[in-house]
Amino acid sequence: MNNKNYFNAILSKMIVTKEGKRLGFVKDITFETISGELINIVVKDSTNYTKNLNLEKIGSNEHLIPYSAIIAIGDFVIVSEEDLI
């Protein structure tokens, strides 16, 4: 069984909280170049809900979600809202 999640498999997926609140879509992933550790998901098309979460921001409408907040990746990228605050 292959449990790998390839970058292009999650690119453009909708990001939602486990409660079902929409946050936006996956634009990119940041990582530590030496260790390869995944750091953040870059969110494009952030919703108004996302904008009120006080997340780190890059550009005018892109937010960063810590990769550690991800609970599951399937049809959506599901994150724990508690890990964002």
C-alpha atoms as a PDB file:
ATOM      1  CA  MET A   1       0.000   0.000   0.000  1.00  0.00           C
ATOM      2  CA  ASN A   2       1.400   3.382  -0.990  1.00  0.00           C
ATOM      3  CA  ASN A   3       0.589   6.145   1.515  1.00  0.00           C
ATOM      4  CA  LYS A   4       2.659   8.866  -0.137  1.00  0.00           C
ATOM      5  CA  ASN A   5       1.004  12.191  -0.897  1.00  0.00           C
ATOM      6  CA  TYR A   6       2.665  13.707  -3.916  1.00  0.00           C
ATOM      7  CA  PHE A   7       2.756  17.490  -4.252  1.00  0.00           C
ATOM      8  CA  ASN A   8       0.735  17.578  -7.472  1.00  0.00           C
ATOM      9  CA  ALA A   9      -1.913  15.379  -5.819  1.00  0.00           C
ATOM     10  CA  ILE A  10      -2.750  18.071  -3.243  1.00  0.00           C
ATOM     11  CA  LEU A  11      -2.136  21.157  -5.370  1.00  0.00           C
ATOM     12  CA  SER A  12      -5.373  23.154  -5.804  1.00  0.00           C
ATOM     13  CA  LYS A  13      -7.336  21.010  -3.308  1.00  0.00           C
ATOM     14  CA  MET A  14      -9.780  22.837  -1.088  1.00  0.00           C
ATOM     15  CA  ILE A  15      -8.616  23.311   2.506  1.00  0.00           C
ATOM     16  CA  VAL A  16     -11.302  22.898   5.175  1.00  0.00           C
ATOM     17  CA  THR A  17     -11.356  22.678   8.943  1.00  0.00           C
ATOM     18  CA  LYS A  18     -12.547  19.453  10.549  1.00  0.00           C
ATOM     19  CA  GLU A  19     -15.731  21.403  11.356  1.00  0.00           C
ATOM     20  CA  GLY A  20     -16.224  21.998   7.622  1.00  0.00           C
ATOM     21  CA  LYS A  21     -15.273  25.676   7.359  1.00  0.00           C
ATOM     22  CA  ARG A  22     -13.641  26.512   4.025  1.00  0.00           C
ATOM     23  CA  LEU A  23     -10.238  28.200   4.207  1.00  0.00           C
ATOM     24  CA  GLY A  24      -9.131  28.363   0.557  1.00  0.00           C
ATOM     25  CA  PHE A  25      -7.082  26.227  -1.823  1.00  0.00           C
ATOM     26  CA  VAL A  26      -3.557  24.797  -1.764  1.00  0.00           C
ATOM     27  CA  LYS A  27      -1.247  26.972  -3.855  1.00  0.00           C
ATOM     28  CA  ASP A  28       2.136  25.713  -2.679  1.00  0.00           C
ATOM     29  CA  ILE A  29       4.016  24.064   0.169  1.00  0.00           C
ATOM     30  CA  THR A  30       7.047  25.513   1.928  1.00  0.00           C
ATOM     31  CA  PHE A  31       9.737  23.232   3.283  1.00  0.00           C
ATOM     32  CA  GLU A  32      13.139  23.247   4.951  1.00  0.00           C
ATOM     33  CA  THR A  33      15.600  22.652   2.116  1.00  0.00           C
ATOM     34  CA  ILE A  34      18.215  20.793   4.178  1.00  0.00           C
ATOM     35  CA  SER A  35      15.963  18.367   6.066  1.00  0.00           C
ATOM     36  CA  GLY A  36      13.050  18.288   3.622  1.00  0.00           C
ATOM     37  CA  GLU A  37      10.654  18.934   6.519  1.00  0.00           C
ATOM     38  CA  LEU A  38       7.334  20.386   5.346  1.00  0.00           C
ATOM     39  CA  ILE A  39       6.651  23.715   7.047  1.00  0.00           C
ATOM     40  CA  ASN A  40       3.531  25.426   5.666  1.00  0.00           C
ATOM     41  CA  ILE A  41       0.777  25.175   3.114  1.00  0.00           C
ATOM     42  CA  VAL A  42       0.372  28.370   1.100  1.00  0.00           C
ATOM     43  CA  VAL A  43      -3.342  29.171   0.788  1.00  0.00           C
ATOM     44  CA  LYS A  44      -4.692  30.916  -2.299  1.00  0.00           C
ATOM     45  CA  ASP A  45      -8.178  32.392  -2.608  1.00  0.00           C
ATOM     46  CA  SER A  46      -8.410  32.723   1.178  1.00  0.00           C
ATOM     47  CA  THR A  47     -11.961  33.014   2.472  1.00  0.00           C
ATOM     48  CA  ASN A  48     -13.105  35.800   4.785  1.00  0.00           C
ATOM     49  CA  TYR A  49     -13.073  33.236   7.588  1.00  0.00           C
ATOM     50  CA  THR A  50      -9.390  32.535   6.907  1.00  0.00           C
ATOM     51  CA  LYS A  51      -8.572  36.241   6.897  1.00  0.00           C
ATOM     52  CA  ASN A  52      -9.978  36.534  10.439  1.00  0.00           C
ATOM     53  CA  LEU A  53      -7.794  33.710  11.829  1.00  0.00           C
ATOM     54  CA  ASN A  54      -4.713  35.921  12.197  1.00  0.00           C
ATOM     55  CA  LEU A  55      -2.517  33.521  10.205  1.00  0.00           C
ATOM     56  CA  GLU A  56       0.891  34.480   8.890  1.00  0.00           C
ATOM     57  CA  LYS A  57       0.403  36.173   5.544  1.00  0.00           C
ATOM     58  CA  ILE A  58       2.416  36.484   2.346  1.00  0.00           C
ATOM     59  CA  GLY A  59       1.334  38.809  -0.392  1.00  0.00           C
ATOM     60  CA  SER A  60      -2.065  40.444  -0.244  1.00  0.00           C
ATOM     61  CA  ASN A  61      -4.322  37.376  -0.231  1.00  0.00           C
ATOM     62  CA  GLU A  62      -2.143  34.362   0.595  1.00  0.00           C
ATOM     63  CA  HIS A  63      -1.959  32.863   4.067  1.00  0.00           C
ATOM     64  CA  LEU A  64       0.246  30.198   5.621  1.00  0.00           C
ATOM     65  CA  ILE A  65      -1.161  27.180   7.443  1.00  0.00           C
ATOM     66  CA  PRO A  66       1.331  25.112   9.444  1.00  0.00           C
ATOM     67  CA  TYR A  67       1.758  21.698   7.841  1.00  0.00           C
ATOM     68  CA  SER A  68       1.471  20.195  11.347  1.00  0.00           C
ATOM     69  CA  ALA A  69      -2.199  21.314  11.440  1.00  0.00           C
ATOM     70  CA  ILE A  70      -3.140  18.822   8.690  1.00  0.00           C
ATOM     71  CA  ILE A  71      -5.333  15.978   9.922  1.00  0.00           C
ATOM     72  CA  ALA A  72      -6.022  14.243   6.611  1.00  0.00           C
ATOM     73  CA  ILE A  73      -5.579  14.575   2.871  1.00  0.00           C
ATOM     74  CA  GLY A  74      -8.251  13.119   0.615  1.00  0.00           C
ATOM     75  CA  ASP A  75     -10.736  14.947  -1.583  1.00  0.00           C
ATOM     76  CA  PHE A  76      -9.974  17.920   0.685  1.00  0.00           C
ATOM     77  CA  VAL A  77      -7.051  18.926   2.882  1.00  0.00           C
ATOM     78  CA  ILE A  78      -8.518  18.811   6.387  1.00  0.00           C
ATOM     79  CA  VAL A  79      -6.872  20.861   9.133  1.00  0.00           C
ATOM     80  CA  SER A  80      -7.380  21.242  12.843  1.00  0.00           C
ATOM     81  CA  GLU A  81      -8.537  24.769  13.584  1.00  0.00           C
ATOM     82  CA  GLU A  82      -7.179  24.504  17.152  1.00  0.00           C
ATOM     83  CA  ASP A  83      -3.687  24.138  15.678  1.00  0.00           C
ATOM     84  CA  LEU A  84      -4.082  27.419  13.769  1.00  0.00           C
ATOM     85  CA  ILE A  85      -4.730  29.663  16.758  1.00  0.00           C
END
